[in-house]
N, C-alpha and C. Protein backbone atom coordinates (compact mmCIF):
# COMPACT_ATOMS: atom_id res chain seq x y z
N MET A 1 -24.39 63.41 -66.34
CA MET A 1 -23.49 63.77 -67.82
C MET A 1 -24.87 63.57 -69.23
N LYS A 2 -24.66 65.51 -69.94
CA LYS A 2 -25.62 64.62 -70.61
C LYS A 2 -25.51 64.09 -71.94
N VAL A 3 -26.05 63.67 -73.03
CA VAL A 3 -26.45 62.84 -74.16
C VAL A 3 -25.37 63.71 -75.06
N LYS A 4 -25.64 65.26 -75.55
CA LYS A 4 -24.61 65.69 -75.99
C LYS A 4 -23.26 65.35 -75.24
N GLU A 5 -22.57 65.59 -74.81
CA GLU A 5 -21.54 64.89 -73.55
C GLU A 5 -20.95 63.80 -73.88
N VAL A 6 -22.05 62.88 -73.93
CA VAL A 6 -21.24 61.32 -74.27
C VAL A 6 -21.46 61.17 -75.57
N MET A 7 -22.37 61.60 -77.14
CA MET A 7 -21.85 61.77 -77.96
C MET A 7 -20.64 62.88 -78.96
N GLU A 8 -20.07 63.49 -77.47
CA GLU A 8 -19.09 64.14 -77.97
C GLU A 8 -17.67 62.82 -77.58
N ARG A 9 -17.88 62.67 -76.49
CA ARG A 9 -17.21 61.66 -76.62
C ARG A 9 -16.81 60.62 -77.32
N ALA A 10 -18.14 59.62 -77.67
CA ALA A 10 -17.76 58.27 -78.51
C ALA A 10 -17.86 58.58 -79.52
N GLY A 11 -17.81 60.10 -80.22
CA GLY A 11 -17.84 60.62 -81.98
C GLY A 11 -19.07 60.39 -82.43
N ILE A 12 -20.45 59.80 -81.50
CA ILE A 12 -21.32 60.11 -82.70
C ILE A 12 -22.17 61.25 -82.76
N SER A 13 -22.30 61.01 -84.33
CA SER A 13 -23.65 62.51 -84.73
C SER A 13 -24.43 62.48 -84.68
N GLU A 14 -25.23 60.82 -84.47
CA GLU A 14 -26.73 60.90 -84.66
C GLU A 14 -27.25 60.94 -83.63
N THR A 15 -28.39 62.00 -82.49
CA THR A 15 -29.00 62.13 -81.30
C THR A 15 -29.57 60.40 -81.13
N GLY A 16 -30.39 59.97 -82.40
CA GLY A 16 -31.40 58.56 -81.82
C GLY A 16 -30.38 57.35 -82.10
N ARG A 17 -29.36 57.51 -81.63
CA ARG A 17 -28.52 56.01 -81.90
C ARG A 17 -27.57 55.92 -80.80
N ALA A 18 -26.77 57.55 -80.83
CA ALA A 18 -26.54 57.73 -79.02
C ALA A 18 -27.71 57.18 -77.36
N ILE A 19 -28.64 57.67 -78.27
CA ILE A 19 -30.39 57.28 -76.78
C ILE A 19 -30.34 56.35 -76.62
N ALA A 20 -30.37 55.19 -78.03
CA ALA A 20 -30.76 53.94 -78.35
C ALA A 20 -29.84 53.33 -77.61
N TYR A 21 -27.91 53.48 -77.63
CA TYR A 21 -27.06 53.06 -77.37
C TYR A 21 -26.86 53.03 -75.59
N LEU A 22 -27.72 54.80 -75.09
CA LEU A 22 -27.98 54.70 -74.09
C LEU A 22 -28.62 53.86 -73.10
N LYS A 23 -30.41 53.17 -74.19
CA LYS A 23 -31.16 53.26 -72.92
C LYS A 23 -30.54 51.12 -72.80
N ASP A 24 -29.78 50.75 -73.97
CA ASP A 24 -29.46 49.39 -74.24
C ASP A 24 -28.15 49.20 -73.18
N GLY A 25 -27.65 50.63 -72.22
CA GLY A 25 -26.61 50.15 -72.02
C GLY A 25 -27.28 50.08 -70.43
N LEU A 26 -28.09 51.48 -69.88
CA LEU A 26 -28.51 51.21 -68.69
C LEU A 26 -29.71 50.17 -68.51
N GLU A 27 -30.10 49.42 -69.29
CA GLU A 27 -30.91 48.24 -69.14
C GLU A 27 -29.48 47.15 -68.68
N GLU A 28 -28.60 46.70 -69.68
CA GLU A 28 -28.00 45.75 -69.31
C GLU A 28 -27.27 45.81 -67.22
N MET A 29 -26.63 47.19 -67.45
CA MET A 29 -26.36 47.76 -65.82
C MET A 29 -27.78 47.37 -64.97
N ASN A 30 -29.38 47.12 -65.27
CA ASN A 30 -30.10 47.06 -64.71
C ASN A 30 -30.37 45.32 -64.23
N MET A 31 -29.76 44.25 -65.47
CA MET A 31 -29.93 43.31 -65.43
C MET A 31 -28.85 43.13 -64.47
N ILE A 32 -27.46 43.73 -64.62
CA ILE A 32 -26.69 43.14 -63.61
C ILE A 32 -26.66 43.29 -61.90
N SER A 33 -27.04 45.03 -61.98
CA SER A 33 -26.48 44.99 -60.56
C SER A 33 -28.70 44.73 -59.56
N GLU A 34 -29.38 43.90 -60.28
CA GLU A 34 -30.59 43.76 -59.85
C GLU A 34 -31.22 44.87 -58.72
N THR A 35 -31.71 46.04 -59.24
CA THR A 35 -32.04 47.04 -58.71
C THR A 35 -33.60 46.78 -58.84
N HIS A 36 -34.25 46.13 -59.44
CA HIS A 36 -35.75 46.18 -59.28
C HIS A 36 -35.77 44.91 -59.98
N ILE A 37 -36.25 43.82 -57.80
CA ILE A 37 -36.68 42.32 -58.07
C ILE A 37 -38.32 42.47 -57.29
N MET A 38 -38.95 41.97 -58.25
CA MET A 38 -40.40 41.67 -57.67
C MET A 38 -40.50 40.13 -57.28
N THR A 39 -41.74 40.11 -56.41
CA THR A 39 -41.58 38.71 -55.88
C THR A 39 -43.32 38.82 -56.89
N THR A 40 -43.08 37.62 -57.63
CA THR A 40 -44.57 37.14 -58.34
C THR A 40 -44.45 35.70 -57.49
N ARG A 41 -46.22 35.15 -56.67
CA ARG A 41 -47.03 34.16 -56.36
C ARG A 41 -47.62 33.41 -57.49
N ILE A 42 -46.90 32.03 -57.72
CA ILE A 42 -48.35 31.27 -58.91
C ILE A 42 -48.72 29.78 -58.28
N ASP A 43 -49.14 30.14 -58.04
CA ASP A 43 -50.11 28.14 -57.87
C ASP A 43 -50.02 26.94 -58.74
N ILE A 44 -49.19 26.01 -58.46
CA ILE A 44 -49.58 25.48 -58.68
C ILE A 44 -49.91 24.12 -58.90
N ASN A 45 -51.00 23.93 -59.82
CA ASN A 45 -51.60 22.91 -60.71
C ASN A 45 -51.03 22.03 -60.50
N GLU A 46 -52.21 20.70 -59.60
CA GLU A 46 -51.84 19.63 -60.59
C GLU A 46 -51.82 19.10 -61.36
N ASN A 47 -51.09 18.44 -62.12
CA ASN A 47 -50.98 17.46 -63.56
C ASN A 47 -49.80 18.43 -64.88
N GLN A 48 -49.42 19.72 -64.27
CA GLN A 48 -49.61 21.23 -65.06
C GLN A 48 -47.72 20.88 -64.80
N ARG A 49 -47.55 20.61 -65.63
CA ARG A 49 -46.15 20.78 -65.85
C ARG A 49 -45.13 21.93 -66.07
N TYR A 50 -46.12 22.77 -67.39
CA TYR A 50 -45.55 24.61 -67.88
C TYR A 50 -46.41 25.36 -67.72
N TYR A 51 -45.88 26.42 -67.18
CA TYR A 51 -46.41 27.80 -66.17
C TYR A 51 -46.01 28.75 -66.53
N ASP A 52 -46.97 29.91 -66.96
CA ASP A 52 -46.63 31.09 -68.18
C ASP A 52 -45.67 32.34 -66.76
N VAL A 53 -44.56 32.69 -67.60
CA VAL A 53 -43.62 33.52 -66.57
C VAL A 53 -43.67 35.36 -67.41
N PRO A 54 -44.41 36.16 -66.70
CA PRO A 54 -44.65 37.17 -66.64
C PRO A 54 -43.55 37.85 -67.67
N PHE A 55 -44.11 38.49 -68.61
CA PHE A 55 -43.36 38.87 -69.75
C PHE A 55 -42.45 39.78 -69.28
N ASN A 56 -42.34 40.73 -68.77
CA ASN A 56 -41.52 42.14 -67.66
C ASN A 56 -40.11 40.94 -67.60
N ALA A 57 -40.12 40.04 -66.85
CA ALA A 57 -39.29 39.23 -66.23
C ALA A 57 -38.01 39.00 -67.00
N ILE A 58 -36.89 39.56 -66.47
CA ILE A 58 -35.92 39.17 -67.16
C ILE A 58 -34.62 38.28 -66.63
N LYS A 59 -34.85 38.03 -65.62
CA LYS A 59 -34.57 37.02 -65.34
C LYS A 59 -34.94 36.34 -63.88
N ILE A 60 -34.65 35.01 -63.93
CA ILE A 60 -35.47 34.62 -62.18
C ILE A 60 -34.68 34.13 -61.52
N THR A 61 -34.38 34.65 -60.08
CA THR A 61 -32.79 34.79 -59.39
C THR A 61 -33.46 33.03 -58.63
N SER A 62 -34.51 33.14 -58.21
CA SER A 62 -35.20 31.97 -57.10
C SER A 62 -36.31 31.56 -57.59
N ILE A 63 -36.25 30.49 -57.26
CA ILE A 63 -37.68 29.71 -57.10
C ILE A 63 -38.25 28.94 -55.57
N ARG A 64 -39.06 29.57 -54.44
CA ARG A 64 -39.21 28.24 -54.01
C ARG A 64 -40.64 27.99 -53.87
N CYS A 65 -40.70 27.18 -52.60
CA CYS A 65 -41.87 26.08 -52.84
C CYS A 65 -42.07 25.12 -51.21
N LYS A 66 -43.25 25.61 -51.35
CA LYS A 66 -43.54 25.81 -49.74
C LYS A 66 -43.60 24.31 -49.67
N ASN A 67 -43.56 24.04 -48.22
CA ASN A 67 -42.91 22.36 -47.95
C ASN A 67 -42.18 21.14 -48.69
N HIS A 68 -41.12 22.17 -49.51
CA HIS A 68 -40.44 21.74 -50.52
C HIS A 68 -39.00 21.12 -49.23
N LEU A 69 -39.27 19.19 -49.26
CA LEU A 69 -38.38 19.21 -48.37
C LEU A 69 -37.81 18.96 -47.21
N ASN A 70 -38.78 20.14 -46.66
CA ASN A 70 -39.79 19.65 -44.23
C ASN A 70 -40.61 19.70 -44.90
N THR A 71 -41.22 19.70 -43.44
CA THR A 71 -42.92 19.95 -42.47
C THR A 71 -42.94 21.08 -42.20
N LYS A 72 -42.34 21.53 -42.28
CA LYS A 72 -42.50 23.05 -41.31
C LYS A 72 -43.66 23.97 -41.57
N ASP A 73 -43.96 23.75 -43.03
CA ASP A 73 -44.50 25.30 -43.62
C ASP A 73 -43.75 26.31 -44.38
N GLU A 74 -42.56 25.56 -44.66
CA GLU A 74 -41.49 26.72 -45.21
C GLU A 74 -41.24 26.70 -46.01
N TYR A 75 -41.32 28.13 -47.08
CA TYR A 75 -40.69 28.03 -48.46
C TYR A 75 -39.08 27.66 -48.36
N ARG A 76 -38.75 26.52 -49.55
CA ARG A 76 -37.52 26.64 -49.87
C ARG A 76 -37.35 26.55 -51.12
N ARG A 77 -35.91 27.05 -51.42
CA ARG A 77 -35.21 26.72 -52.32
C ARG A 77 -35.56 25.78 -53.04
N ILE A 78 -36.51 25.69 -54.83
CA ILE A 78 -35.80 24.29 -55.69
C ILE A 78 -34.41 24.89 -56.30
N PRO A 79 -33.11 24.25 -56.34
CA PRO A 79 -31.73 23.99 -56.53
C PRO A 79 -32.28 23.52 -58.00
N ARG A 80 -31.48 24.54 -59.24
CA ARG A 80 -31.55 24.35 -60.66
C ARG A 80 -31.11 23.34 -60.59
N MET A 81 -31.27 22.60 -62.21
CA MET A 81 -30.35 21.13 -62.71
C MET A 81 -29.37 22.49 -63.24
N ILE A 82 -28.76 21.17 -63.48
CA ILE A 82 -27.86 21.60 -64.52
C ILE A 82 -27.34 19.95 -65.39
N GLY A 83 -27.83 20.29 -66.21
CA GLY A 83 -27.47 19.20 -67.48
C GLY A 83 -28.54 18.38 -67.91
N GLU A 84 -27.98 16.84 -68.68
CA GLU A 84 -30.08 16.34 -68.63
C GLU A 84 -30.26 15.99 -67.35
N PRO A 85 -31.44 15.28 -67.43
CA PRO A 85 -32.03 14.67 -66.03
C PRO A 85 -31.69 13.43 -66.71
N TYR A 86 -31.28 12.59 -65.49
CA TYR A 86 -31.17 11.21 -65.62
C TYR A 86 -32.03 10.15 -66.20
N THR A 87 -33.53 10.48 -66.13
CA THR A 87 -34.42 9.34 -66.38
C THR A 87 -35.25 10.13 -67.18
N GLU A 88 -36.16 9.23 -68.11
CA GLU A 88 -36.77 9.78 -69.21
C GLU A 88 -37.67 10.76 -68.99
N ASP A 89 -37.86 12.19 -70.13
CA ASP A 89 -38.87 12.77 -69.79
C ASP A 89 -40.32 12.13 -70.89
N ALA A 90 -41.42 12.09 -69.97
CA ALA A 90 -42.60 11.74 -70.85
C ALA A 90 -43.39 13.00 -71.26
N ASP A 91 -42.96 14.25 -70.68
CA ASP A 91 -43.58 14.98 -70.79
C ASP A 91 -42.67 16.03 -71.70
N GLN A 92 -42.88 15.50 -73.49
CA GLN A 92 -41.34 15.62 -74.72
C GLN A 92 -41.81 17.11 -75.26
N GLU A 93 -43.06 17.92 -74.35
CA GLU A 93 -44.36 18.50 -75.28
C GLU A 93 -43.20 20.36 -75.67
N LEU A 94 -43.41 21.17 -76.76
CA LEU A 94 -42.46 21.70 -77.47
C LEU A 94 -43.22 22.80 -76.88
N ILE A 95 -42.85 23.79 -76.42
CA ILE A 95 -44.08 25.02 -76.35
C ILE A 95 -43.34 27.05 -77.71
């Protein structure tokens, strides 16, 4: 289907607005369907809590750590924390 056909069906007369809507819709479909998944490796440093996330990251699907809850040199998933932490956080800096 061409842009002109979409414009006629949606009743939009401005081409720029129609193209913007189409791009927004394609980006939302990409977020839901996870078609372009990239793996990025970031080294963990001692006494560092915050790390830079790549600018083009839309959604983080999984974080894995080597030797997490095992001694077999396997990468295991780190579970996501839901809710407030039970212990007080000493590193309360805002980014």
